[in-house]
N, C-alpha and C. Protein backbone atom coordinates (compact mmCIF):
# COMPACT_ATOMS: atom_id res chain seq x y z
N MET A 1 1.67 -99.89 86.68
CA MET A 1 1.18 -98.65 87.10
C MET A 1 2.01 -98.07 88.22
N ARG A 2 2.54 -98.97 88.92
CA ARG A 2 3.40 -98.52 89.97
C ARG A 2 4.62 -97.82 89.40
N LYS A 3 5.08 -98.34 88.35
CA LYS A 3 6.22 -97.72 87.72
C LYS A 3 5.85 -96.34 87.23
N LEU A 4 4.71 -96.23 86.70
CA LEU A 4 4.27 -94.96 86.20
C LEU A 4 4.08 -93.99 87.35
N ASN A 5 3.58 -94.43 88.42
CA ASN A 5 3.41 -93.60 89.60
C ASN A 5 4.75 -93.14 90.14
N PHE A 6 5.67 -94.07 90.16
CA PHE A 6 7.01 -93.72 90.64
C PHE A 6 7.65 -92.69 89.72
N MET A 7 7.45 -92.83 88.43
CA MET A 7 8.04 -91.90 87.48
C MET A 7 7.39 -90.52 87.62
N LYS A 8 6.11 -90.55 87.87
CA LYS A 8 5.44 -89.26 88.06
C LYS A 8 5.99 -88.58 89.31
N LYS A 9 6.18 -89.39 90.36
CA LYS A 9 6.70 -88.81 91.59
C LYS A 9 8.15 -88.40 91.39
N SER A 10 8.92 -89.16 90.67
CA SER A 10 10.32 -88.83 90.42
C SER A 10 10.41 -87.54 89.60
N TRP A 11 9.60 -87.52 88.63
CA TRP A 11 9.60 -86.33 87.79
C TRP A 11 9.25 -85.12 88.63
N PHE A 12 8.32 -85.22 89.50
CA PHE A 12 7.92 -84.14 90.39
C PHE A 12 9.07 -83.74 91.28
N PHE A 13 9.78 -84.70 91.87
CA PHE A 13 10.91 -84.39 92.75
C PHE A 13 12.06 -83.76 91.98
N VAL A 14 12.33 -84.24 90.79
CA VAL A 14 13.42 -83.68 89.98
C VAL A 14 13.07 -82.23 89.61
N ALA A 15 11.87 -81.99 89.19
CA ALA A 15 11.45 -80.64 88.83
C ALA A 15 11.51 -79.73 90.05
N PHE A 16 11.05 -80.25 91.18
CA PHE A 16 11.08 -79.47 92.41
C PHE A 16 12.52 -79.14 92.79
N PHE A 17 13.41 -80.13 92.68
CA PHE A 17 14.82 -79.93 93.02
C PHE A 17 15.46 -78.90 92.09
N VAL A 18 15.22 -78.99 90.80
CA VAL A 18 15.81 -78.06 89.83
C VAL A 18 15.28 -76.64 90.08
N LEU A 19 14.00 -76.54 90.30
CA LEU A 19 13.42 -75.22 90.57
C LEU A 19 13.95 -74.64 91.87
N SER A 20 14.14 -75.46 92.87
CA SER A 20 14.68 -74.99 94.15
C SER A 20 16.10 -74.48 93.98
N VAL A 21 16.92 -75.24 93.28
CA VAL A 21 18.31 -74.82 93.03
C VAL A 21 18.32 -73.51 92.24
N ALA A 22 17.48 -73.43 91.23
CA ALA A 22 17.42 -72.21 90.41
C ALA A 22 16.97 -71.02 91.26
N ALA A 23 15.99 -71.23 92.12
CA ALA A 23 15.50 -70.15 92.97
C ALA A 23 16.59 -69.68 93.93
N VAL A 24 17.32 -70.62 94.50
CA VAL A 24 18.41 -70.26 95.41
C VAL A 24 19.46 -69.44 94.67
N HIS A 25 19.82 -69.87 93.45
CA HIS A 25 20.82 -69.13 92.66
C HIS A 25 20.32 -67.72 92.31
N ILE A 26 19.07 -67.61 91.95
CA ILE A 26 18.51 -66.29 91.62
C ILE A 26 18.54 -65.38 92.84
N ILE A 27 18.17 -65.93 93.98
CA ILE A 27 18.19 -65.13 95.22
C ILE A 27 19.61 -64.70 95.56
N GLN A 28 20.60 -65.62 95.40
CA GLN A 28 21.99 -65.28 95.69
C GLN A 28 22.49 -64.18 94.74
N ILE A 29 22.16 -64.29 93.48
CA ILE A 29 22.60 -63.28 92.50
C ILE A 29 21.99 -61.92 92.84
N ALA A 30 20.71 -61.90 93.13
CA ALA A 30 20.04 -60.64 93.48
C ALA A 30 20.64 -60.03 94.74
N TYR A 31 20.90 -60.84 95.73
CA TYR A 31 21.49 -60.36 96.98
C TYR A 31 22.90 -59.82 96.74
N ALA A 32 23.69 -60.52 95.93
CA ALA A 32 25.06 -60.08 95.64
C ALA A 32 25.05 -58.75 94.88
N GLU A 33 24.14 -58.60 93.94
CA GLU A 33 24.07 -57.35 93.18
C GLU A 33 23.67 -56.19 94.08
N SER A 34 22.73 -56.42 94.98
CA SER A 34 22.32 -55.32 95.86
C SER A 34 23.44 -54.94 96.81
N GLU A 35 24.22 -55.92 97.29
CA GLU A 35 25.36 -55.60 98.15
C GLU A 35 26.42 -54.82 97.37
N GLU A 36 26.64 -55.22 96.12
CA GLU A 36 27.64 -54.55 95.30
C GLU A 36 27.22 -53.10 95.03
N LYS A 37 25.94 -52.89 94.78
CA LYS A 37 25.44 -51.53 94.56
C LYS A 37 25.63 -50.67 95.80
N GLN A 38 25.34 -51.25 96.96
CA GLN A 38 25.52 -50.49 98.20
C GLN A 38 26.99 -50.19 98.43
N LYS A 39 27.83 -51.17 98.16
CA LYS A 39 29.27 -50.98 98.33
C LYS A 39 29.77 -49.90 97.37
N ASP A 40 29.32 -49.96 96.11
CA ASP A 40 29.74 -48.98 95.11
C ASP A 40 29.25 -47.58 95.47
N SER A 41 28.05 -47.47 95.98
CA SER A 41 27.52 -46.15 96.30
C SER A 41 28.31 -45.49 97.42
N LYS A 42 28.89 -46.28 98.30
CA LYS A 42 29.68 -45.72 99.40
C LYS A 42 31.09 -45.37 98.96
N GLU A 43 31.64 -46.17 98.08
CA GLU A 43 33.05 -46.01 97.72
C GLU A 43 33.27 -45.29 96.40
N THR A 44 32.26 -45.19 95.57
CA THR A 44 32.43 -44.57 94.27
C THR A 44 32.55 -43.06 94.43
N ILE A 45 33.59 -42.50 93.83
CA ILE A 45 33.80 -41.05 93.85
C ILE A 45 33.17 -40.50 92.58
N LEU A 46 32.22 -39.61 92.76
CA LEU A 46 31.54 -39.04 91.60
C LEU A 46 32.39 -37.97 90.93
N VAL A 47 33.11 -37.17 91.71
CA VAL A 47 34.01 -36.16 91.17
C VAL A 47 35.31 -36.19 91.96
N THR A 48 36.36 -35.71 91.32
CA THR A 48 37.65 -35.71 92.01
C THR A 48 37.81 -34.40 92.79
N GLN A 49 38.72 -34.40 93.71
CA GLN A 49 39.00 -33.21 94.51
C GLN A 49 39.53 -32.08 93.61
N ASP A 50 40.32 -32.45 92.59
CA ASP A 50 40.83 -31.44 91.66
C ASP A 50 39.70 -30.73 90.93
N TYR A 51 38.70 -31.50 90.53
CA TYR A 51 37.55 -30.92 89.84
C TYR A 51 36.81 -29.94 90.75
N VAL A 52 36.59 -30.35 91.97
CA VAL A 52 35.91 -29.48 92.94
C VAL A 52 36.73 -28.22 93.18
N ASP A 53 38.05 -28.37 93.37
CA ASP A 53 38.92 -27.21 93.59
C ASP A 53 38.88 -26.26 92.39
N GLU A 54 38.89 -26.83 91.19
CA GLU A 54 38.83 -26.01 89.98
C GLU A 54 37.54 -25.19 89.93
N LYS A 55 36.44 -25.83 90.24
CA LYS A 55 35.15 -25.13 90.21
C LYS A 55 35.08 -24.06 91.31
N VAL A 56 35.62 -24.34 92.46
CA VAL A 56 35.65 -23.35 93.55
C VAL A 56 36.50 -22.15 93.13
N ASN A 57 37.64 -22.41 92.50
CA ASN A 57 38.50 -21.31 92.03
C ASN A 57 37.81 -20.48 90.96
N GLN A 58 37.08 -21.16 90.06
CA GLN A 58 36.34 -20.44 89.03
C GLN A 58 35.30 -19.53 89.67
N LEU A 59 34.59 -20.05 90.65
CA LEU A 59 33.58 -19.23 91.34
C LEU A 59 34.23 -18.07 92.09
N ALA A 60 35.40 -18.32 92.68
CA ALA A 60 36.10 -17.24 93.38
C ALA A 60 36.50 -16.15 92.39
N ASN A 61 36.97 -16.56 91.20
CA ASN A 61 37.35 -15.58 90.18
C ASN A 61 36.13 -14.78 89.72
N VAL A 62 35.02 -15.47 89.52
CA VAL A 62 33.80 -14.78 89.12
C VAL A 62 33.38 -13.80 90.21
N ASN A 63 33.49 -14.22 91.46
CA ASN A 63 33.13 -13.35 92.58
C ASN A 63 34.02 -12.10 92.60
N GLU A 64 35.32 -12.27 92.38
CA GLU A 64 36.23 -11.13 92.34
C GLU A 64 35.88 -10.19 91.19
N GLU A 65 35.57 -10.77 90.02
CA GLU A 65 35.20 -9.95 88.87
C GLU A 65 33.92 -9.17 89.16
N LEU A 66 32.96 -9.81 89.79
CA LEU A 66 31.71 -9.13 90.14
C LEU A 66 31.96 -8.01 91.14
N GLU A 67 32.83 -8.25 92.12
CA GLU A 67 33.15 -7.21 93.10
C GLU A 67 33.82 -6.02 92.41
N GLU A 68 34.73 -6.29 91.46
CA GLU A 68 35.38 -5.21 90.72
C GLU A 68 34.35 -4.44 89.90
N LEU A 69 33.44 -5.17 89.27
CA LEU A 69 32.40 -4.53 88.47
C LEU A 69 31.49 -3.67 89.34
N VAL A 70 31.12 -4.18 90.50
CA VAL A 70 30.28 -3.41 91.43
C VAL A 70 31.01 -2.14 91.87
N GLU A 71 32.30 -2.26 92.18
CA GLU A 71 33.08 -1.09 92.59
C GLU A 71 33.16 -0.06 91.46
N LYS A 72 33.37 -0.55 90.24
CA LYS A 72 33.43 0.34 89.09
C LYS A 72 32.09 1.06 88.90
N MET A 73 31.00 0.31 89.05
CA MET A 73 29.68 0.91 88.89
C MET A 73 29.38 1.92 90.01
N LYS A 74 29.86 1.64 91.22
CA LYS A 74 29.70 2.60 92.32
C LYS A 74 30.42 3.90 91.99
N ASN A 75 31.64 3.79 91.46
CA ASN A 75 32.40 4.98 91.08
C ASN A 75 31.69 5.76 89.99
N GLN A 76 31.16 5.03 88.99
CA GLN A 76 30.42 5.70 87.92
C GLN A 76 29.18 6.41 88.48
N LEU A 77 28.51 5.75 89.40
CA LEU A 77 27.32 6.35 90.01
C LEU A 77 27.68 7.63 90.76
N GLU A 78 28.78 7.59 91.52
CA GLU A 78 29.22 8.79 92.24
C GLU A 78 29.53 9.93 91.28
N GLU A 79 30.21 9.60 90.16
CA GLU A 79 30.52 10.63 89.16
C GLU A 79 29.24 11.19 88.56
N MET A 80 28.30 10.32 88.25
CA MET A 80 27.03 10.78 87.68
C MET A 80 26.25 11.64 88.67
N GLU A 81 26.30 11.27 89.95
CA GLU A 81 25.62 12.08 90.96
C GLU A 81 26.25 13.47 91.04
N LYS A 82 27.59 13.54 90.95
CA LYS A 82 28.26 14.83 90.95
C LYS A 82 27.85 15.65 89.73
N GLU A 83 27.80 14.99 88.56
CA GLU A 83 27.38 15.68 87.35
C GLU A 83 25.94 16.16 87.48
N LEU A 84 25.09 15.34 88.07
CA LEU A 84 23.69 15.72 88.26
C LEU A 84 23.57 16.94 89.16
N VAL A 85 24.38 16.98 90.21
CA VAL A 85 24.37 18.16 91.09
C VAL A 85 24.76 19.40 90.29
N GLU A 86 25.79 19.26 89.44
CA GLU A 86 26.22 20.39 88.61
C GLU A 86 25.12 20.80 87.64
N ILE A 87 24.48 19.80 87.03
CA ILE A 87 23.41 20.10 86.08
C ILE A 87 22.25 20.79 86.79
N GLU A 88 21.89 20.26 87.95
CA GLU A 88 20.80 20.89 88.71
C GLU A 88 21.18 22.29 89.15
N LYS A 89 22.45 22.45 89.51
CA LYS A 89 22.92 23.76 89.96
C LYS A 89 22.83 24.77 88.83
N TYR A 90 23.28 24.37 87.64
CA TYR A 90 23.31 25.29 86.52
C TYR A 90 22.10 25.14 85.61
N GLY A 91 21.21 24.23 85.91
CA GLY A 91 20.05 24.00 85.07
C GLY A 91 18.85 24.86 85.44
N LYS A 92 18.98 25.66 86.47
CA LYS A 92 17.87 26.53 86.87
C LYS A 92 18.44 27.90 87.24
N PHE A 93 17.58 28.88 87.18
CA PHE A 93 18.01 30.23 87.52
C PHE A 93 18.22 30.36 89.03
N ILE A 94 19.29 31.05 89.38
CA ILE A 94 19.61 31.31 90.78
C ILE A 94 19.44 32.81 91.01
N PRO A 95 18.62 33.19 91.99
CA PRO A 95 18.44 34.63 92.25
C PRO A 95 19.62 35.18 93.06
N LEU A 96 20.12 36.32 92.63
CA LEU A 96 21.23 36.98 93.33
C LEU A 96 20.84 38.41 93.67
N GLU A 97 21.31 38.87 94.81
CA GLU A 97 21.16 40.28 95.18
C GLU A 97 22.57 40.87 95.23
N LEU A 98 22.84 41.78 94.32
CA LEU A 98 24.18 42.35 94.20
C LEU A 98 24.18 43.80 94.69
N GLU A 99 25.34 44.22 95.20
CA GLU A 99 25.53 45.58 95.71
C GLU A 99 26.21 46.44 94.64
N GLU A 100 26.13 47.73 94.82
CA GLU A 100 26.77 48.65 93.88
C GLU A 100 28.27 48.36 93.80
N GLY A 101 28.77 48.35 92.58
CA GLY A 101 30.19 48.11 92.35
C GLY A 101 30.54 46.64 92.15
N GLN A 102 29.65 45.74 92.50
CA GLN A 102 29.94 44.31 92.28
C GLN A 102 29.79 43.97 90.80
N THR A 103 30.62 43.02 90.38
CA THR A 103 30.60 42.57 88.99
C THR A 103 30.23 41.10 88.95
N LEU A 104 29.30 40.78 88.07
CA LEU A 104 28.89 39.39 87.86
C LEU A 104 29.49 38.91 86.55
N ILE A 105 30.39 37.94 86.63
CA ILE A 105 31.01 37.35 85.44
C ILE A 105 30.40 35.96 85.25
N VAL A 106 29.88 35.73 84.04
CA VAL A 106 29.17 34.48 83.76
C VAL A 106 29.97 33.66 82.76
N GLY A 107 30.01 32.33 82.99
CA GLY A 107 30.74 31.42 82.11
C GLY A 107 29.97 31.09 80.84
N ASP A 108 30.58 30.26 80.00
CA ASP A 108 29.95 29.92 78.72
C ASP A 108 28.61 29.21 78.92
N SER A 109 27.71 29.48 77.99
CA SER A 109 26.33 28.96 78.00
C SER A 109 25.53 29.49 79.18
N GLY A 110 25.97 30.58 79.78
CA GLY A 110 25.25 31.18 80.90
C GLY A 110 24.14 32.10 80.41
N GLU A 111 23.22 32.39 81.33
CA GLU A 111 22.09 33.27 81.03
C GLU A 111 21.92 34.25 82.19
N ILE A 112 21.56 35.50 81.85
CA ILE A 112 21.35 36.54 82.86
C ILE A 112 20.03 37.24 82.57
N ILE A 113 19.29 37.53 83.64
CA ILE A 113 18.12 38.40 83.55
C ILE A 113 18.24 39.41 84.69
N LEU A 114 18.32 40.70 84.36
CA LEU A 114 18.34 41.76 85.37
C LEU A 114 16.89 42.04 85.76
N ARG A 115 16.52 41.73 87.01
CA ARG A 115 15.14 41.85 87.48
C ARG A 115 14.85 43.20 88.14
N GLY A 116 15.87 43.82 88.68
CA GLY A 116 15.67 45.11 89.33
C GLY A 116 17.00 45.80 89.51
N GLY A 117 16.99 47.13 89.59
CA GLY A 117 18.23 47.88 89.73
C GLY A 117 18.79 48.25 88.36
N LYS A 118 20.03 48.78 88.39
CA LYS A 118 20.68 49.18 87.13
C LYS A 118 22.06 48.55 87.06
N ALA A 119 22.43 48.20 85.80
CA ALA A 119 23.75 47.58 85.59
C ALA A 119 24.24 47.92 84.19
N LYS A 120 25.55 47.91 84.05
CA LYS A 120 26.20 48.12 82.75
C LYS A 120 26.76 46.78 82.27
N ALA A 121 26.75 46.59 80.96
CA ALA A 121 27.24 45.34 80.37
C ALA A 121 28.76 45.32 80.35
N ILE A 122 29.31 44.12 80.40
CA ILE A 122 30.75 43.91 80.24
C ILE A 122 30.91 42.90 79.11
N SER A 123 31.53 43.34 78.01
CA SER A 123 31.75 42.47 76.86
C SER A 123 32.96 41.59 77.09
N GLY A 124 33.05 40.56 76.29
CA GLY A 124 34.24 39.71 76.31
C GLY A 124 35.11 40.01 75.11
N GLU A 125 36.16 39.24 74.94
CA GLU A 125 37.08 39.44 73.83
C GLU A 125 36.42 39.19 72.49
N ALA A 126 35.42 38.28 72.45
CA ALA A 126 34.82 37.90 71.18
C ALA A 126 33.43 38.48 70.97
N GLY A 127 33.00 39.41 71.80
CA GLY A 127 31.68 40.00 71.60
C GLY A 127 31.01 40.35 72.90
N GLY A 128 29.75 40.83 72.76
CA GLY A 128 29.02 41.28 73.93
C GLY A 128 28.02 40.25 74.41
N LEU A 129 26.98 40.77 75.11
CA LEU A 129 25.92 39.93 75.64
C LEU A 129 24.80 39.86 74.61
N SER A 130 24.38 38.68 74.26
CA SER A 130 23.34 38.50 73.25
C SER A 130 21.98 38.71 73.90
N ASP A 131 21.26 39.76 73.46
CA ASP A 131 19.93 40.07 74.02
C ASP A 131 18.89 39.29 73.22
N VAL A 132 18.45 38.19 73.75
CA VAL A 132 17.50 37.32 73.07
C VAL A 132 16.12 37.97 73.04
N THR A 133 15.75 38.68 74.08
CA THR A 133 14.42 39.27 74.19
C THR A 133 14.21 40.38 73.17
N ALA A 134 15.24 41.18 72.91
CA ALA A 134 15.10 42.31 71.98
C ALA A 134 14.84 41.82 70.56
N GLY A 135 15.43 40.72 70.18
CA GLY A 135 15.20 40.16 68.86
C GLY A 135 15.87 40.92 67.73
N SER A 136 16.70 41.91 68.05
CA SER A 136 17.34 42.71 67.01
C SER A 136 18.62 42.08 66.49
N GLY A 137 19.16 41.12 67.22
CA GLY A 137 20.40 40.48 66.79
C GLY A 137 21.64 41.28 67.13
N VAL A 138 21.48 42.38 67.86
CA VAL A 138 22.61 43.22 68.22
C VAL A 138 23.03 42.89 69.65
N ASP A 139 24.33 42.72 69.86
CA ASP A 139 24.86 42.45 71.19
C ASP A 139 24.89 43.73 72.03
N ILE A 140 24.73 43.55 73.33
CA ILE A 140 24.93 44.66 74.27
C ILE A 140 26.41 44.64 74.62
N ILE A 141 27.08 45.76 74.38
CA ILE A 141 28.54 45.78 74.58
C ILE A 141 28.88 46.57 75.85
N THR A 142 30.16 46.58 76.19
CA THR A 142 30.65 47.20 77.42
C THR A 142 30.13 48.63 77.58
N ASP A 143 29.71 48.93 78.82
CA ASP A 143 29.21 50.23 79.27
C ASP A 143 27.84 50.60 78.72
N GLN A 144 27.18 49.70 78.01
CA GLN A 144 25.78 49.95 77.65
C GLN A 144 24.90 49.50 78.81
N ASP A 145 23.76 50.16 78.98
CA ASP A 145 22.83 49.77 80.03
C ASP A 145 22.23 48.40 79.72
N VAL A 146 22.09 47.60 80.78
CA VAL A 146 21.44 46.29 80.64
C VAL A 146 19.95 46.51 80.87
N PRO A 147 19.10 46.16 79.89
CA PRO A 147 17.66 46.37 80.06
C PRO A 147 17.06 45.40 81.08
N LEU A 148 16.03 45.86 81.79
CA LEU A 148 15.34 45.01 82.77
C LEU A 148 14.56 43.90 82.06
N ASN A 149 14.53 42.74 82.69
CA ASN A 149 13.72 41.60 82.27
C ASN A 149 14.03 41.11 80.85
N HIS A 150 15.25 41.33 80.38
CA HIS A 150 15.68 40.80 79.09
C HIS A 150 16.60 39.60 79.34
N LEU A 151 16.38 38.55 78.56
CA LEU A 151 17.24 37.36 78.66
C LEU A 151 18.51 37.61 77.86
N LEU A 152 19.64 37.56 78.56
CA LEU A 152 20.94 37.79 77.93
C LEU A 152 21.73 36.48 77.95
N LEU A 153 22.22 36.07 76.78
CA LEU A 153 23.00 34.83 76.67
C LEU A 153 24.49 35.14 76.63
N ILE A 154 25.25 34.31 77.31
CA ILE A 154 26.71 34.41 77.31
C ILE A 154 27.22 33.19 76.55
N SER A 155 27.82 33.44 75.39
CA SER A 155 28.22 32.30 74.54
C SER A 155 29.60 31.74 74.86
N ARG A 156 30.46 32.55 75.45
CA ARG A 156 31.82 32.08 75.74
C ARG A 156 32.23 32.48 77.15
N ASP A 157 33.21 31.75 77.66
CA ASP A 157 33.76 32.06 78.98
C ASP A 157 34.95 32.99 78.79
N ASP A 158 34.66 34.24 78.45
CA ASP A 158 35.75 35.20 78.18
C ASP A 158 35.58 36.50 78.97
N GLY A 159 34.95 36.41 80.15
CA GLY A 159 34.85 37.57 81.02
C GLY A 159 33.60 38.41 80.83
N ARG A 160 32.60 37.91 80.16
CA ARG A 160 31.37 38.66 79.95
C ARG A 160 30.51 38.67 81.21
N GLY A 161 29.75 39.74 81.36
CA GLY A 161 28.88 39.83 82.52
C GLY A 161 28.28 41.21 82.65
N LEU A 162 28.07 41.65 83.89
CA LEU A 162 27.52 42.98 84.13
C LEU A 162 28.07 43.55 85.43
N LYS A 163 28.05 44.91 85.50
CA LYS A 163 28.52 45.60 86.70
C LYS A 163 27.35 46.44 87.23
N VAL A 164 27.08 46.27 88.53
CA VAL A 164 25.95 46.95 89.16
C VAL A 164 26.31 48.42 89.39
N ILE A 165 25.40 49.35 88.97
CA ILE A 165 25.64 50.78 89.16
C ILE A 165 24.61 51.42 90.10
N SER A 166 23.58 50.70 90.47
CA SER A 166 22.62 51.20 91.46
C SER A 166 23.01 50.65 92.83
N SER A 167 22.34 51.12 93.89
CA SER A 167 22.71 50.65 95.23
C SER A 167 22.51 49.14 95.38
N LYS A 168 21.50 48.61 94.73
CA LYS A 168 21.27 47.16 94.72
C LYS A 168 20.74 46.77 93.36
N ALA A 169 20.98 45.50 93.00
CA ALA A 169 20.41 44.95 91.76
C ALA A 169 20.05 43.49 92.02
N TRP A 170 18.93 43.09 91.43
CA TRP A 170 18.49 41.70 91.57
C TRP A 170 18.61 41.04 90.21
N VAL A 171 19.33 39.95 90.21
CA VAL A 171 19.66 39.28 88.96
C VAL A 171 19.31 37.80 89.07
N LEU A 172 18.81 37.24 87.98
CA LEU A 172 18.67 35.79 87.86
C LEU A 172 19.80 35.31 86.96
N VAL A 173 20.52 34.31 87.39
CA VAL A 173 21.64 33.79 86.60
C VAL A 173 21.52 32.27 86.51
N LYS A 174 21.83 31.76 85.32
CA LYS A 174 21.85 30.32 85.10
C LYS A 174 23.20 29.98 84.48
N GLY A 175 23.86 28.99 85.03
CA GLY A 175 25.17 28.59 84.53
C GLY A 175 26.27 28.99 85.50
N PRO A 176 27.51 28.70 85.15
CA PRO A 176 28.62 29.02 86.04
C PRO A 176 28.84 30.54 86.11
N TYR A 177 29.11 31.02 87.31
CA TYR A 177 29.31 32.46 87.48
C TYR A 177 30.24 32.73 88.66
N THR A 178 30.79 33.95 88.67
CA THR A 178 31.56 34.44 89.82
C THR A 178 31.14 35.88 90.08
N ILE A 179 31.25 36.26 91.35
CA ILE A 179 30.94 37.64 91.74
C ILE A 179 32.25 38.28 92.20
N GLU A 180 32.59 39.41 91.58
CA GLU A 180 33.81 40.12 91.95
C GLU A 180 33.44 41.44 92.59
N GLU A 181 34.24 41.86 93.57
CA GLU A 181 33.99 43.13 94.27
C GLU A 181 34.58 44.27 93.50
C-alpha cells in the first residue's frame, strides 16, 4: 500500500509539474503576443506619405475646381441680375412728361399709350404704329394724330415713335426708348 500511496503522490507531483510548466508557457506566449501587438501598433505604418500627399493634392484640386465653379456662378448671377434689371425696367410702363417738339422713339417690342396732350405718329421703314385698341388692323402712319388712351405696339427698332405737338404730353412707354429734342 505504501507503494500505491507513493505512486499516487508521484502521479500528483508529475501532473502538478506538467501543468505548472504548461501554465508558465501559456503565460509567456500571451505576454509575448501582447508585447508584439503593442510594438506593432507603434511602428506599423497604416498609410505611406505618398498616399497622404496624393490625397491632399486631390483635395486641393477639388477645392480649386469648386472655387472656379463658385466664381463662374457668381459671374452668371451678376449677369442674370443685370438682365433682371433690364426686364424690370422694360417690363412695366414708365410715365413720361414730354414738351412740345420732343420726339419719343421706341425700340422693338415697345408699347406706347398717349395719356394726355397731342402727338403725331412717326412711322418706321417697315410700317407704322400698330393700334391694338382700335382693333381695325390699320397702322397709324407718319403725321397722323395719335389717339388718347390707345395701346400702340412698336414691332421693330426702325425709328418709330411719336412727336409732341401740344405744349405738354403725358405718355406711358414700355420697352427701350429715347427722347430727342
